[in-house]
PDB file of N, CA and C in Angstrom:
ATOM      1  N   MET A   1      94.842  91.142 102.463  1.00  0.00           N
ATOM      2  CA  MET A   1      95.968  91.032 101.555  1.00  0.00           C
ATOM      3  C   MET A   1      96.064  92.566 101.615  1.00  0.00           C
ATOM      4  N   ASP A   2      97.988  92.944 101.435  1.00  0.00           N
ATOM      5  CA  ASP A   2      98.064  93.814 101.386  1.00  0.00           C
ATOM      6  C   ASP A   2      98.029  94.679  99.985  1.00  0.00           C
ATOM      7  N   LEU A   3      97.968  95.835  99.697  1.00  0.00           N
ATOM      8  CA  LEU A   3      98.668  96.497  97.894  1.00  0.00           C
ATOM      9  C   LEU A   3      99.583  96.489  98.002  1.00  0.00           C
ATOM     10  N   ILE A   4     100.231  96.503  96.876  1.00  0.00           N
ATOM     11  CA  ILE A   4     101.826  96.829  96.831  1.00  0.00           C
ATOM     12  C   ILE A   4     101.461  98.258  96.457  1.00  0.00           C
ATOM     13  N   PRO A   5     102.230  99.575  96.762  1.00  0.00           N
ATOM     14  CA  PRO A   5     102.519 100.957  96.354  1.00  0.00           C
ATOM     15  C   PRO A   5     102.803 100.593  94.708  1.00  0.00           C
ATOM     16  N   GLN A   6     102.051 101.447  93.952  1.00  0.00           N
ATOM     17  CA  GLN A   6     102.375 101.953  92.513  1.00  0.00           C
ATOM     18  C   GLN A   6     104.331 101.574  92.278  1.00  0.00           C
ATOM     19  N   GLU A   7     104.624 102.788  93.253  1.00  0.00           N
ATOM     20  CA  GLU A   7     106.381 103.110  93.108  1.00  0.00           C
ATOM     21  C   GLU A   7     107.146 101.908  93.049  1.00  0.00           C
ATOM     22  N   VAL A   8     106.679 100.925  93.866  1.00  0.00           N
ATOM     23  CA  VAL A   8     107.542 100.218  94.211  1.00  0.00           C
ATOM     24  C   VAL A   8     107.539  98.768  92.821  1.00  0.00           C
ATOM     25  N   ILE A   9     106.203  98.578  92.472  1.00  0.00           N
ATOM     26  CA  ILE A   9     106.159  97.826  91.005  1.00  0.00           C
ATOM     27  C   ILE A   9     106.824  98.741  89.739  1.00  0.00           C
ATOM     28  N   GLU A  10     106.494 100.045  90.181  1.00  0.00           N
ATOM     29  CA  GLU A  10     107.379 100.705  88.457  1.00  0.00           C
ATOM     30  C   GLU A  10     108.738 100.589  88.793  1.00  0.00           C
ATOM     31  N   ASN A  11     109.321 100.961  90.214  1.00  0.00           N
ATOM     32  CA  ASN A  11     110.594 100.392  90.043  1.00  0.00           C
ATOM     33  C   ASN A  11     111.322  99.742  89.725  1.00  0.00           C
ATOM     34  N   LYS A  12     110.604  98.489  89.401  1.00  0.00           N
ATOM     35  CA  LYS A  12     110.941  96.992  89.298  1.00  0.00           C
ATOM     36  C   LYS A  12     110.893  96.770  87.676  1.00  0.00           C
ATOM     37  N   ILE A  13     110.313  97.942  86.752  1.00  0.00           N
ATOM     38  CA  ILE A  13     110.116  97.597  85.555  1.00  0.00           C
ATOM     39  C   ILE A  13     111.495  97.842  84.807  1.00  0.00           C
ATOM     40  N   LEU A  14     111.976  96.881  84.116  1.00  0.00           N
ATOM     41  CA  LEU A  14     113.768  97.466  83.606  1.00  0.00           C
ATOM     42  C   LEU A  14     112.990  97.744  81.936  1.00  0.00           C
ATOM     43  N   LEU A  15     114.224  98.054  81.287  1.00  0.00           N
ATOM     44  CA  LEU A  15     113.781  98.345  79.476  1.00  0.00           C
ATOM     45  C   LEU A  15     115.173  97.635  79.297  1.00  0.00           C
ATOM     46  N   ILE A  16     115.038  96.486  78.466  1.00  0.00           N
ATOM     47  CA  ILE A  16     115.899  95.201  78.316  1.00  0.00           C
ATOM     48  C   ILE A  16     115.454  94.741  76.782  1.00  0.00           C
ATOM     49  N   ARG A  17     116.228  94.781  75.929  1.00  0.00           N
ATOM     50  CA  ARG A  17     115.806  94.229  74.350  1.00  0.00           C
ATOM     51  C   ARG A  17     114.830  95.476  73.709  1.00  0.00           C
ATOM     52  N   GLY A  18     114.631  96.242  74.332  1.00  0.00           N
ATOM     53  CA  GLY A  18     113.809  97.538  73.810  1.00  0.00           C
ATOM     54  C   GLY A  18     112.023  96.717  74.775  1.00  0.00           C
ATOM     55  N   ARG A  19     111.994  96.260  75.480  1.00  0.00           N
ATOM     56  CA  ARG A  19     110.785  95.542  76.132  1.00  0.00           C
ATOM     57  C   ARG A  19     110.794  96.057  77.322  1.00  0.00           C
ATOM     58  N   LYS A  20     109.531  96.973  77.744  1.00  0.00           N
ATOM     59  CA  LYS A  20     109.568  96.801  80.019  1.00  0.00           C
ATOM     60  C   LYS A  20     109.353  95.441  80.030  1.00  0.00           C
ATOM     61  N   VAL A  21     109.858  95.244  81.273  1.00  0.00           N
ATOM     62  CA  VAL A  21     110.070  93.781  81.174  1.00  0.00           C
ATOM     63  C   VAL A  21     110.576  93.772  83.040  1.00  0.00           C
ATOM     64  N   MET A  22     110.106  92.765  83.803  1.00  0.00           N
ATOM     65  CA  MET A  22     110.444  92.482  85.201  1.00  0.00           C
ATOM     66  C   MET A  22     110.826  91.505  85.314  1.00  0.00           C
ATOM     67  N   LEU A  23     111.809  91.140  86.435  1.00  0.00           N
ATOM     68  CA  LEU A  23     113.013  89.957  86.483  1.00  0.00           C
ATOM     69  C   LEU A  23     112.267  88.891  87.437  1.00  0.00           C
ATOM     70  N   ASP A  24     112.285  87.321  87.155  1.00  0.00           N
ATOM     71  CA  ASP A  24     111.810  86.720  88.249  1.00  0.00           C
ATOM     72  C   ASP A  24     111.784  86.593  89.624  1.00  0.00           C
ATOM     73  N   ARG A  25     112.893  87.286  90.147  1.00  0.00           N
ATOM     74  CA  ARG A  25     113.085  87.843  91.464  1.00  0.00           C
ATOM     75  C   ARG A  25     112.485  88.455  91.708  1.00  0.00           C
ATOM     76  N   ASP A  26     112.141  89.689  91.215  1.00  0.00           N
ATOM     77  CA  ASP A  26     110.903  90.820  91.499  1.00  0.00           C
ATOM     78  C   ASP A  26     109.632  89.912  91.699  1.00  0.00           C
ATOM     79  N   LEU A  27     109.104  89.468  90.352  1.00  0.00           N
ATOM     80  CA  LEU A  27     107.996  89.106  90.740  1.00  0.00           C
ATOM     81  C   LEU A  27     107.730  88.059  91.647  1.00  0.00           C
ATOM     82  N   ALA A  28     108.892  87.601  91.896  1.00  0.00           N
ATOM     83  CA  ALA A  28     108.620  86.080  92.993  1.00  0.00           C
ATOM     84  C   ALA A  28     108.540  86.776  94.586  1.00  0.00           C
ATOM     85  N   ARG A  29     108.983  87.728  94.135  1.00  0.00           N
ATOM     86  CA  ARG A  29     109.084  88.823  96.048  1.00  0.00           C
ATOM     87  C   ARG A  29     107.975  89.593  96.231  1.00  0.00           C
ATOM     88  N   LEU A  30     107.039  89.758  94.702  1.00  0.00           N
ATOM     89  CA  LEU A  30     105.851  90.255  94.518  1.00  0.00           C
ATOM     90  C   LEU A  30     104.734  89.650  94.912  1.00  0.00           C
ATOM     91  N   TYR A  31     104.706  87.980  94.056  1.00  0.00           N
ATOM     92  CA  TYR A  31     103.804  87.143  94.387  1.00  0.00           C
ATOM     93  C   TYR A  31     103.903  86.239  96.331  1.00  0.00           C
ATOM     94  N   GLY A  32     105.188  86.594  96.775  1.00  0.00           N
ATOM     95  CA  GLY A  32     105.709  85.975  97.965  1.00  0.00           C
ATOM     96  C   GLY A  32     106.247  84.575  98.211  1.00  0.00           C
ATOM     97  N   VAL A  33     106.751  84.268  96.778  1.00  0.00           N
ATOM     98  CA  VAL A  33     106.674  82.834  96.681  1.00  0.00           C
ATOM     99  C   VAL A  33     108.767  83.050  96.462  1.00  0.00           C
ATOM    100  N   GLU A  34     109.395  81.812  96.556  1.00  0.00           N
ATOM    101  CA  GLU A  34     110.480  82.079  95.893  1.00  0.00           C
ATOM    102  C   GLU A  34     110.889  81.984  94.831  1.00  0.00           C
ATOM    103  N   THR A  35     112.346  82.522  94.033  1.00  0.00           N
ATOM    104  CA  THR A  35     112.352  82.534  92.642  1.00  0.00           C
ATOM    105  C   THR A  35     112.029  81.194  92.084  1.00  0.00           C
ATOM    106  N   ARG A  36     113.086  80.607  93.101  1.00  0.00           N
ATOM    107  CA  ARG A  36     112.798  78.968  92.048  1.00  0.00           C
ATOM    108  C   ARG A  36     111.527  78.595  92.056  1.00  0.00           C
ATOM    109  N   THR A  37     110.869  78.681  92.829  1.00  0.00           N
ATOM    110  CA  THR A  37     109.050  78.232  93.014  1.00  0.00           C
ATOM    111  C   THR A  37     108.325  78.766  91.713  1.00  0.00           C
ATOM    112  N   LEU A  38     108.735  79.998  91.471  1.00  0.00           N
ATOM    113  CA  LEU A  38     107.893  80.560  90.273  1.00  0.00           C
ATOM    114  C   LEU A  38     108.711  80.352  88.587  1.00  0.00           C
ATOM    115  N   ASN A  39     109.623  79.701  89.213  1.00  0.00           N
ATOM    116  CA  ASN A  39     110.881  79.504  87.442  1.00  0.00           C
ATOM    117  C   ASN A  39     110.130  77.861  87.583  1.00  0.00           C
ATOM    118  N   GLN A  40     110.188  76.919  88.010  1.00  0.00           N
ATOM    119  CA  GLN A  40     109.322  75.814  88.196  1.00  0.00           C
ATOM    120  C   GLN A  40     107.991  75.759  87.733  1.00  0.00           C
ATOM    121  N   ALA A  41     106.956  76.983  88.175  1.00  0.00           N
ATOM    122  CA  ALA A  41     105.970  77.139  87.697  1.00  0.00           C
ATOM    123  C   ALA A  41     105.756  76.888  86.115  1.00  0.00           C
ATOM    124  N   VAL A  42     106.342  77.820  85.691  1.00  0.00           N
ATOM    125  CA  VAL A  42     106.335  78.649  84.342  1.00  0.00           C
ATOM    126  C   VAL A  42     107.226  77.550  83.707  1.00  0.00           C
ATOM    127  N   LYS A  43     108.537  76.709  83.914  1.00  0.00           N
ATOM    128  CA  LYS A  43     108.653  75.183  82.872  1.00  0.00           C
ATOM    129  C   LYS A  43     107.531  74.544  83.198  1.00  0.00           C
ATOM    130  N   ARG A  44     107.084  74.286  84.108  1.00  0.00           N
ATOM    131  CA  ARG A  44     106.094  73.378  83.903  1.00  0.00           C
ATOM    132  C   ARG A  44     104.881  73.652  82.976  1.00  0.00           C
ATOM    133  N   ASN A  45     104.759  74.794  82.666  1.00  0.00           N
ATOM    134  CA  ASN A  45     104.064  75.598  81.717  1.00  0.00           C
ATOM    135  C   ASN A  45     104.717  76.189  80.214  1.00  0.00           C
ATOM    136  N   ILE A  46     105.743  75.695  79.865  1.00  0.00           N
ATOM    137  CA  ILE A  46     106.795  76.724  79.325  1.00  0.00           C
ATOM    138  C   ILE A  46     106.127  76.818  78.179  1.00  0.00           C
ATOM    139  N   THR A  47     105.055  75.970  77.393  1.00  0.00           N
ATOM    140  CA  THR A  47     104.615  76.259  76.069  1.00  0.00           C
ATOM    141  C   THR A  47     103.448  77.617  76.050  1.00  0.00           C
ATOM    142  N   ARG A  48     103.524  77.546  77.291  1.00  0.00           N
ATOM    143  CA  ARG A  48     102.456  78.904  77.953  1.00  0.00           C
ATOM    144  C   ARG A  48     103.534  80.387  77.575  1.00  0.00           C
ATOM    145  N   PHE A  49     104.242  80.326  77.804  1.00  0.00           N
ATOM    146  CA  PHE A  49     105.089  81.384  77.936  1.00  0.00           C
ATOM    147  C   PHE A  49     106.222  81.672  76.216  1.00  0.00           C
ATOM    148  N   PRO A  50     105.828  81.757  75.518  1.00  0.00           N
ATOM    149  CA  PRO A  50     106.104  82.165  74.222  1.00  0.00           C
ATOM    150  C   PRO A  50     107.645  84.048  74.045  1.00  0.00           C
ATOM    151  N   GLU A  51     108.434  83.606  73.092  1.00  0.00           N
ATOM    152  CA  GLU A  51     109.428  84.918  73.966  1.00  0.00           C
ATOM    153  C   GLU A  51     109.019  86.032  73.747  1.00  0.00           C
ATOM    154  N   ASP A  52     107.446  86.204  73.942  1.00  0.00           N
ATOM    155  CA  ASP A  52     106.884  87.645  73.123  1.00  0.00           C
ATOM    156  C   ASP A  52     106.110  87.749  75.251  1.00  0.00           C
ATOM    157  N   PHE A  53     106.160  86.872  75.901  1.00  0.00           N
ATOM    158  CA  PHE A  53     105.912  86.918  77.249  1.00  0.00           C
ATOM    159  C   PHE A  53     106.976  86.876  78.388  1.00  0.00           C
ATOM    160  N   MET A  54     108.112  85.592  77.494  1.00  0.00           N
ATOM    161  CA  MET A  54     109.099  85.943  78.441  1.00  0.00           C
ATOM    162  C   MET A  54     110.624  85.495  77.889  1.00  0.00           C
ATOM    163  N   PHE A  55     111.650  85.894  78.304  1.00  0.00           N
ATOM    164  CA  PHE A  55     113.131  85.213  77.997  1.00  0.00           C
ATOM    165  C   PHE A  55     114.586  85.286  78.798  1.00  0.00           C
ATOM    166  N   GLN A  56     115.238  84.723  78.652  1.00  0.00           N
ATOM    167  CA  GLN A  56     115.924  84.421  79.769  1.00  0.00           C
ATOM    168  C   GLN A  56     117.306  85.571  79.587  1.00  0.00           C
ATOM    169  N   LEU A  57     117.505  86.567  79.777  1.00  0.00           N
ATOM    170  CA  LEU A  57     118.679  87.587  80.012  1.00  0.00           C
ATOM    171  C   LEU A  57     119.855  86.636  79.662  1.00  0.00           C
ATOM    172  N   THR A  58     120.668  87.290  78.534  1.00  0.00           N
ATOM    173  CA  THR A  58     121.875  86.671  78.305  1.00  0.00           C
ATOM    174  C   THR A  58     123.106  86.960  79.174  1.00  0.00           C
ATOM    175  N   ASN A  59     123.935  85.974  79.236  1.00  0.00           N
ATOM    176  CA  ASN A  59     125.867  86.719  80.097  1.00  0.00           C
ATOM    177  C   ASN A  59     125.705  88.115  79.998  1.00  0.00           C
ATOM    178  N   GLU A  60     125.633  88.752  78.867  1.00  0.00           N
ATOM    179  CA  GLU A  60     126.078  90.139  78.992  1.00  0.00           C
ATOM    180  C   GLU A  60     124.834  91.221  79.548  1.00  0.00           C
ATOM    181  N   GLU A  61     123.230  90.559  79.077  1.00  0.00           N
ATOM    182  CA  GLU A  61     122.757  91.282  79.528  1.00  0.00           C
ATOM    183  C   GLU A  61     122.541  91.370  81.473  1.00  0.00           C
ATOM    184  N   MET A  62     123.249  90.239  82.001  1.00  0.00           N
ATOM    185  CA  MET A  62     122.777  90.118  83.560  1.00  0.00           C
ATOM    186  C   MET A  62     123.777  90.866  84.141  1.00  0.00           C
ATOM    187  N   GLU A  63     125.463  90.902  83.006  1.00  0.00           N
ATOM    188  CA  GLU A  63     126.377  91.705  83.671  1.00  0.00           C
ATOM    189  C   GLU A  63     126.031  93.343  83.543  1.00  0.00           C
ATOM    190  N   ASN A  64     125.466  93.385  82.663  1.00  0.00           N
ATOM    191  CA  ASN A  64     124.839  95.038  82.303  1.00  0.00           C
ATOM    192  C   ASN A  64     124.069  95.370  83.471  1.00  0.00           C
ATOM    193  N   TRP A  65     123.073  94.901  83.769  1.00  0.00           N
ATOM    194  CA  TRP A  65     121.860  95.029  84.791  1.00  0.00           C
ATOM    195  C   TRP A  65     122.536  95.233  86.323  1.00  0.00           C
ATOM    196  N   LYS A  66     123.609  94.117  86.471  1.00  0.00           N
ATOM    197  CA  LYS A  66     123.993  93.578  87.740  1.00  0.00           C
ATOM    198  C   LYS A  66     124.887  95.159  87.619  1.00  0.00           C
ATOM    199  N   SER A  67     125.783  96.058  86.656  1.00  0.00           N
ATOM    200  CA  SER A  67     126.633  96.569  87.135  1.00  0.00           C
ATOM    201  C   SER A  67     125.844  98.109  86.961  1.00  0.00           C
ATOM    202  N   GLN A  68     124.357  97.917  86.429  1.00  0.00           N
ATOM    203  CA  GLN A  68     123.852  99.168  86.996  1.00  0.00           C
ATOM    204  C   GLN A  68     122.618  99.511  88.115  1.00  0.00           C
ATOM    205  N   ILE A  69     122.620  98.076  88.825  1.00  0.00           N
ATOM    206  CA  ILE A  69     121.937  98.246  90.422  1.00  0.00           C
ATOM    207  C   ILE A  69     123.112  98.294  91.191  1.00  0.00           C
ATOM    208  N   VAL A  70     122.640  99.046  91.972  1.00  0.00           N
ATOM    209  CA  VAL A  70     123.821  98.956  93.645  1.00  0.00           C
ATOM    210  C   VAL A  70     123.129  97.986  94.083  1.00  0.00           C
ATOM    211  N   MET A  71     123.989  96.347  94.051  1.00  0.00           N
ATOM    212  CA  MET A  71     123.300  95.689  94.563  1.00  0.00           C
ATOM    213  C   MET A  71     124.452  95.397  96.199  1.00  0.00           C
ATOM    214  N   SER A  72     123.369  94.994  97.221  1.00  0.00           N
ATOM    215  CA  SER A  72     124.192  94.086  98.396  1.00  0.00           C
ATOM    216  C   SER A  72     125.015  92.861  98.140  1.00  0.00           C
ATOM    217  N   ASN A  73     126.163  92.339  98.627  1.00  0.00           N
ATOM    218  CA  ASN A  73     126.564  90.971  98.444  1.00  0.00           C
ATOM    219  C   ASN A  73     125.732  89.899  98.738  1.00  0.00           C
ATOM    220  N   LYS A  74     124.971  90.010  99.712  1.00  0.00           N
ATOM    221  CA  LYS A  74     123.559  89.181  99.729  1.00  0.00           C
ATOM    222  C   LYS A  74     122.869  88.888  98.493  1.00  0.00           C
ATOM    223  N   ASP A  75     122.261  90.362  97.438  1.00  0.00           N
ATOM    224  CA  ASP A  75     121.963  89.955  96.796  1.00  0.00           C
ATOM    225  C   ASP A  75     122.429  89.369  95.655  1.00  0.00           C
ATOM    226  N   LYS A  76     123.839  89.496  95.356  1.00  0.00           N
ATOM    227  CA  LYS A  76     124.672  89.000  94.041  1.00  0.00           C
ATOM    228  C   LYS A  76     125.140  87.467  94.630  1.00  0.00           C
ATOM    229  N   MET A  77     125.065  87.096  95.749  1.00  0.00           N
ATOM    230  CA  MET A  77     125.252  85.992  96.208  1.00  0.00           C
ATOM    231  C   MET A  77     124.132  85.152  95.661  1.00  0.00           C
ATOM    232  N   GLY A  78     122.802  85.320  95.279  1.00  0.00           N
ATOM    233  CA  GLY A  78     121.680  84.937  95.204  1.00  0.00           C
ATOM    234  C   GLY A  78     121.751  84.620  93.414  1.00  0.00           C
ATOM    235  N   LEU A  79     122.533  85.383  93.114  1.00  0.00           N
ATOM    236  CA  LEU A  79     122.535  85.227  91.387  1.00  0.00           C
ATOM    237  C   LEU A  79     123.205  83.811  90.857  1.00  0.00           C
ATOM    238  N   ARG A  80     123.221  82.750  90.698  1.00  0.00           N
ATOM    239  CA  ARG A  80     124.266  81.794  90.301  1.00  0.00           C
ATOM    240  C   ARG A  80     123.445  81.517  88.726  1.00  0.00           C
ATOM    241  N   LYS A  81     122.237  82.171  88.358  1.00  0.00           N
ATOM    242  CA  LYS A  81     121.260  81.549  87.285  1.00  0.00           C
ATOM    243  C   LYS A  81     121.308  83.008  86.571  1.00  0.00           C
ATOM    244  N   ARG A  82     121.171  82.589  85.309  1.00  0.00           N
ATOM    245  CA  ARG A  82     120.439  83.979  84.563  1.00  0.00           C
ATOM    246  C   ARG A  82     119.018  84.401  84.794  1.00  0.00           C
ATOM    247  N   PRO A  83     118.273  85.117  85.269  1.00  0.00           N
ATOM    248  CA  PRO A  83     117.402  85.625  85.707  1.00  0.00           C
ATOM    249  C   PRO A  83     116.196  85.658  84.019  1.00  0.00           C
ATOM    250  N   TYR A  84     115.274  85.210  84.471  1.00  0.00           N
ATOM    251  CA  TYR A  84     114.131  85.490  83.227  1.00  0.00           C
ATOM    252  C   TYR A  84     113.486  86.755  83.546  1.00  0.00           C
ATOM    253  N   ALA A  85     112.881  87.155  81.995  1.00  0.00           N
ATOM    254  CA  ALA A  85     112.528  88.337  81.987  1.00  0.00           C
ATOM    255  C   ALA A  85     111.392  88.465  81.552  1.00  0.00           C
ATOM    256  N   PHE A  86     110.028  88.682  82.000  1.00  0.00           N
ATOM    257  CA  PHE A  86     108.789  89.101  81.933  1.00  0.00           C
ATOM    258  C   PHE A  86     108.338  90.162  81.361  1.00  0.00           C
ATOM    259  N   THR A  87     107.576  90.119  80.313  1.00  0.00           N
ATOM    260  CA  THR A  87     106.829  91.200  79.626  1.00  0.00           C
ATOM    261  C   THR A  87     105.693  91.257  80.047  1.00  0.00           C
ATOM    262  N   GLU A  88     105.099  92.200  79.839  1.00  0.00           N
ATOM    263  CA  GLU A  88     103.753  92.672  80.286  1.00  0.00           C
ATOM    264  C   GLU A  88     102.413  91.524  80.538  1.00  0.00           C
ATOM    265  N   ASN A  89     102.448  91.031  79.035  1.00  0.00           N
ATOM    266  CA  ASN A  89     101.864  89.790  78.689  1.00  0.00           C
ATOM    267  C   ASN A  89     102.240  88.862  79.582  1.00  0.00           C
ATOM    268  N   GLY A  90     103.796  88.409  79.831  1.00  0.00           N
ATOM    269  CA  GLY A  90     103.943  87.477  80.826  1.00  0.00           C
ATOM    270  C   GLY A  90     103.784  87.520  82.309  1.00  0.00           C
ATOM    271  N   VAL A  91     103.711  88.910  82.601  1.00  0.00           N
ATOM    272  CA  VAL A  91     103.327  88.998  84.391  1.00  0.00           C
ATOM    273  C   VAL A  91     101.693  88.889  84.287  1.00  0.00           C
ATOM    274  N   ALA A  92     100.958  89.164  83.213  1.00  0.00           N
ATOM    275  CA  ALA A  92      99.930  88.954  82.979  1.00  0.00           C
ATOM    276  C   ALA A  92      99.105  87.551  83.313  1.00  0.00           C
ATOM    277  N   TYR A  93      99.966  86.992  82.724  1.00  0.00           N
ATOM    278  CA  TYR A  93      99.773  85.720  82.561  1.00  0.00           C
ATOM    279  C   TYR A  93     100.071  84.076  83.783  1.00  0.00           C
ATOM    280  N   LEU A  94     101.457  85.272  84.355  1.00  0.00           N
ATOM    281  CA  LEU A  94     101.616  84.523  85.904  1.00  0.00           C
ATOM    282  C   LEU A  94     100.443  84.636  86.560  1.00  0.00           C
TER     283      LEU A  94
END
């Protein structure tokens, strides 16, 4: 298994609602699974992910995030649903 460089992970950490979080799509890539697969696993165990572990971005937060990040059309095409944000506890629990 290859180690992921620290800089790559640090670049995926965002500050949303005053919390350091990572989005579901970035975590899925790090774990080598599809975002859909990661979210399905979380939904099957939703009681183990309280609000201090994860939350779903609001429409406004999503638009804010998209406007701040340079994304290709391909990346934007995959954004049909508001992403989930995972706090440090949520990431550790995954």
